Each structure stands twice: as structure tokens, then as C-alpha cells.
Amino acid sequence: MPKYYFENQDSELCYTKDHFIEEMKDRGISGMEVYPAKITFGTGYFYCQEYAEVGESGESCGKFCEFYKPRNGKNGRCKHHSNCYEPSDEPIKLNL
């Protein structure tokens, strides 16, 4: 499972380390602080990887969705259903 990071504590989207390495190269900087992402539990929300949107658990996902594909091949949680994340409190330094 890849690790994810937020650019700052107000960011809504998190990315892998590779994203920030490319961003540092584009900006011409050798390092930056990022916030490791942590999974949120019990929020009632999920992230749909197919639509790249947050949905409410029990809503907006199921057999009526054209991209619905059960993980077990029969029924249940969709393979595009993923966790939501939030930034941790302590940043880390990424270097090129």
C-alpha cells in the first residue's frame, strides 16, 4: 500500500512521494515539508477512485453505478471504494 502525503494541513488532496519529488524538480527546490496522511475512521465517508470524488458511505455507490465492481466478484464493497485521509499533525522533510 503506497504512503500518501499532504502539501499542507489545509490541503484536500494527498499524493504519493513521487508527486512531490516531481513538484520539487519543477519548482527547482531540493526539499519541502509535507504532512503524512492518516486514514480517517468512522467519518461516514469514502473516496471513489474511479470518479476521484468523496461519497457518503451507504450512498452513491452500488449496482446502479456503471463502474461498480465488487471486490469479491459477487457483491459487496466496490473495488473503487477507498479510505479517506487527513493530514497528520507533524510534517516531515522530503529531499531530492
C-alpha atoms as a PDB file:
ATOM      1  CA  MET A   1       0.000   0.000   0.000  1.00  0.00           C
ATOM      2  CA  PRO A   2       1.538   3.337  -1.005  1.00  0.00           C
ATOM      3  CA  LYS A   3       2.090   6.095   1.530  1.00  0.00           C
ATOM      4  CA  TYR A   4       0.357   9.399   0.935  1.00  0.00           C
ATOM      5  CA  TYR A   5       1.229  12.963   1.911  1.00  0.00           C
ATOM      6  CA  PHE A   6      -0.477  16.351   2.021  1.00  0.00           C
ATOM      7  CA  GLU A   7       1.301  19.533   0.921  1.00  0.00           C
ATOM      8  CA  ASN A   8      -0.057  21.382   3.964  1.00  0.00           C
ATOM      9  CA  GLN A   9      -2.643  20.893   6.684  1.00  0.00           C
ATOM     10  CA  ASP A  10      -5.325  22.704   4.673  1.00  0.00           C
ATOM     11  CA  SER A  11      -4.901  20.541   1.549  1.00  0.00           C
ATOM     12  CA  GLU A  12      -7.867  18.445   0.489  1.00  0.00           C
ATOM     13  CA  LEU A  13      -5.914  16.029  -1.713  1.00  0.00           C
ATOM     14  CA  CYS A  14      -2.998  13.782  -0.832  1.00  0.00           C
ATOM     15  CA  TYR A  15      -0.394  12.312  -3.164  1.00  0.00           C
ATOM     16  CA  THR A  16       2.448   9.813  -3.191  1.00  0.00           C
ATOM     17  CA  LYS A  17       6.054  10.798  -2.565  1.00  0.00           C
ATOM     18  CA  ASP A  18       6.743  10.653  -6.331  1.00  0.00           C
ATOM     19  CA  HIS A  19       4.289  13.507  -6.911  1.00  0.00           C
ATOM     20  CA  PHE A  20       6.191  15.760  -4.509  1.00  0.00           C
ATOM     21  CA  ILE A  21       9.576  14.762  -5.937  1.00  0.00           C
ATOM     22  CA  GLU A  22       8.370  15.850  -9.387  1.00  0.00           C
ATOM     23  CA  GLU A  23       6.966  19.051  -7.888  1.00  0.00           C
ATOM     24  CA  MET A  24      10.321  19.859  -6.256  1.00  0.00           C
ATOM     25  CA  LYS A  25      12.084  19.312  -9.586  1.00  0.00           C
ATOM     26  CA  ASP A  26       9.575  21.578 -11.352  1.00  0.00           C
ATOM     27  CA  ARG A  27       9.983  24.289  -8.710  1.00  0.00           C
ATOM     28  CA  GLY A  28      13.774  23.951  -8.644  1.00  0.00           C
ATOM     29  CA  ILE A  29      13.925  23.248  -4.901  1.00  0.00           C
ATOM     30  CA  SER A  30      15.811  20.493  -3.094  1.00  0.00           C
ATOM     31  CA  GLY A  31      13.396  19.876  -0.234  1.00  0.00           C
ATOM     32  CA  MET A  32       9.972  20.583   1.197  1.00  0.00           C
ATOM     33  CA  GLU A  33       7.882  19.796   4.247  1.00  0.00           C
ATOM     34  CA  VAL A  34       4.833  17.586   3.744  1.00  0.00           C
ATOM     35  CA  TYR A  35       2.297  16.070   6.122  1.00  0.00           C
ATOM     36  CA  PRO A  36       1.947  12.270   6.173  1.00  0.00           C
ATOM     37  CA  ALA A  37      -1.625  11.171   5.521  1.00  0.00           C
ATOM     38  CA  LYS A  38      -3.508   9.095   8.062  1.00  0.00           C
ATOM     39  CA  ILE A  39      -6.697   7.138   7.428  1.00  0.00           C
ATOM     40  CA  THR A  40      -9.850   8.609   8.892  1.00  0.00           C
ATOM     41  CA  PHE A  41     -12.152   6.135  10.636  1.00  0.00           C
ATOM     42  CA  GLY A  42     -15.836   6.428  11.456  1.00  0.00           C
ATOM     43  CA  THR A  43     -16.446   9.551   9.395  1.00  0.00           C
ATOM     44  CA  GLY A  44     -19.165   8.050   7.216  1.00  0.00           C
ATOM     45  CA  TYR A  45     -17.316   8.962   4.003  1.00  0.00           C
ATOM     46  CA  PHE A  46     -15.307   7.091   1.381  1.00  0.00           C
ATOM     47  CA  TYR A  47     -13.191   8.011  -1.621  1.00  0.00           C
ATOM     48  CA  CYS A  48     -14.168   6.679  -5.066  1.00  0.00           C
ATOM     49  CA  GLN A  49     -11.018   6.084  -7.113  1.00  0.00           C
ATOM     50  CA  GLU A  50     -12.988   5.837 -10.361  1.00  0.00           C
ATOM     51  CA  TYR A  51     -14.699   9.227 -10.045  1.00  0.00           C
ATOM     52  CA  ALA A  52     -11.994  10.841  -7.856  1.00  0.00           C
ATOM     53  CA  GLU A  53     -14.708  12.073  -5.503  1.00  0.00           C
ATOM     54  CA  VAL A  54     -15.692  11.677  -1.878  1.00  0.00           C
ATOM     55  CA  GLY A  55     -19.020   9.983  -1.238  1.00  0.00           C
ATOM     56  CA  GLU A  56     -21.162   9.277   1.770  1.00  0.00           C
ATOM     57  CA  SER A  57     -20.996   5.687   2.988  1.00  0.00           C
ATOM     58  CA  GLY A  58     -24.153   3.795   2.058  1.00  0.00           C
ATOM     59  CA  GLU A  59     -24.998   6.395  -0.588  1.00  0.00           C
ATOM     60  CA  SER A  60     -23.967   6.956  -4.200  1.00  0.00           C
ATOM     61  CA  CYS A  61     -22.314   3.575  -4.700  1.00  0.00           C
ATOM     62  CA  GLY A  62     -23.764   0.253  -5.698  1.00  0.00           C
ATOM     63  CA  LYS A  63     -25.239  -1.689  -8.560  1.00  0.00           C
ATOM     64  CA  PHE A  64     -26.703   1.432 -10.178  1.00  0.00           C
ATOM     65  CA  CYS A  65     -23.155   2.787 -10.760  1.00  0.00           C
ATOM     66  CA  GLU A  66     -21.787   1.860 -14.197  1.00  0.00           C
ATOM     67  CA  PHE A  67     -18.288   1.308 -12.719  1.00  0.00           C
ATOM     68  CA  TYR A  68     -19.423  -0.808  -9.746  1.00  0.00           C
ATOM     69  CA  LYS A  69     -17.267  -3.934  -9.495  1.00  0.00           C
ATOM     70  CA  PRO A  70     -17.466  -5.964  -6.269  1.00  0.00           C
ATOM     71  CA  ARG A  71     -14.071  -6.852  -4.784  1.00  0.00           C
ATOM     72  CA  ASN A  72     -15.118 -10.462  -4.304  1.00  0.00           C
ATOM     73  CA  GLY A  73     -16.636 -10.681  -7.800  1.00  0.00           C
ATOM     74  CA  LYS A  74     -20.191 -11.204  -6.485  1.00  0.00           C
ATOM     75  CA  ASN A  75     -21.442  -8.428  -4.211  1.00  0.00           C
ATOM     76  CA  GLY A  76     -20.394  -6.004  -1.508  1.00  0.00           C
ATOM     77  CA  ARG A  77     -17.757  -3.297  -1.411  1.00  0.00           C
ATOM     78  CA  CYS A  78     -16.683  -1.946  -4.798  1.00  0.00           C
ATOM     79  CA  LYS A  79     -13.059  -2.242  -5.873  1.00  0.00           C
ATOM     80  CA  HIS A  80     -13.008   1.549  -6.432  1.00  0.00           C
ATOM     81  CA  HIS A  81     -14.121   2.238  -2.829  1.00  0.00           C
ATOM     82  CA  SER A  82     -11.179   3.546  -0.807  1.00  0.00           C
ATOM     83  CA  ASN A  83     -10.349   5.220   2.502  1.00  0.00           C
ATOM     84  CA  CYS A  84     -10.388   8.926   3.189  1.00  0.00           C
ATOM     85  CA  TYR A  85      -7.294  10.557   4.659  1.00  0.00           C
ATOM     86  CA  GLU A  86      -6.402  13.579   6.735  1.00  0.00           C
ATOM     87  CA  PRO A  87      -3.017  15.217   7.335  1.00  0.00           C
ATOM     88  CA  SER A  88      -1.090  14.248  10.445  1.00  0.00           C
ATOM     89  CA  ASP A  89      -0.063  16.916  12.945  1.00  0.00           C
ATOM     90  CA  GLU A  90       3.685  16.693  12.364  1.00  0.00           C
ATOM     91  CA  PRO A  91       5.304  17.443   8.996  1.00  0.00           C
ATOM     92  CA  ILE A  92       8.263  15.554   7.591  1.00  0.00           C
ATOM     93  CA  LYS A  93      11.011  16.831   5.317  1.00  0.00           C
ATOM     94  CA  LEU A  94      11.291  15.340   1.815  1.00  0.00           C
ATOM     95  CA  ASN A  95      14.578  15.844  -0.021  1.00  0.00           C
ATOM     96  CA  LEU A  96      15.648  15.172  -3.589  1.00  0.00           C
END
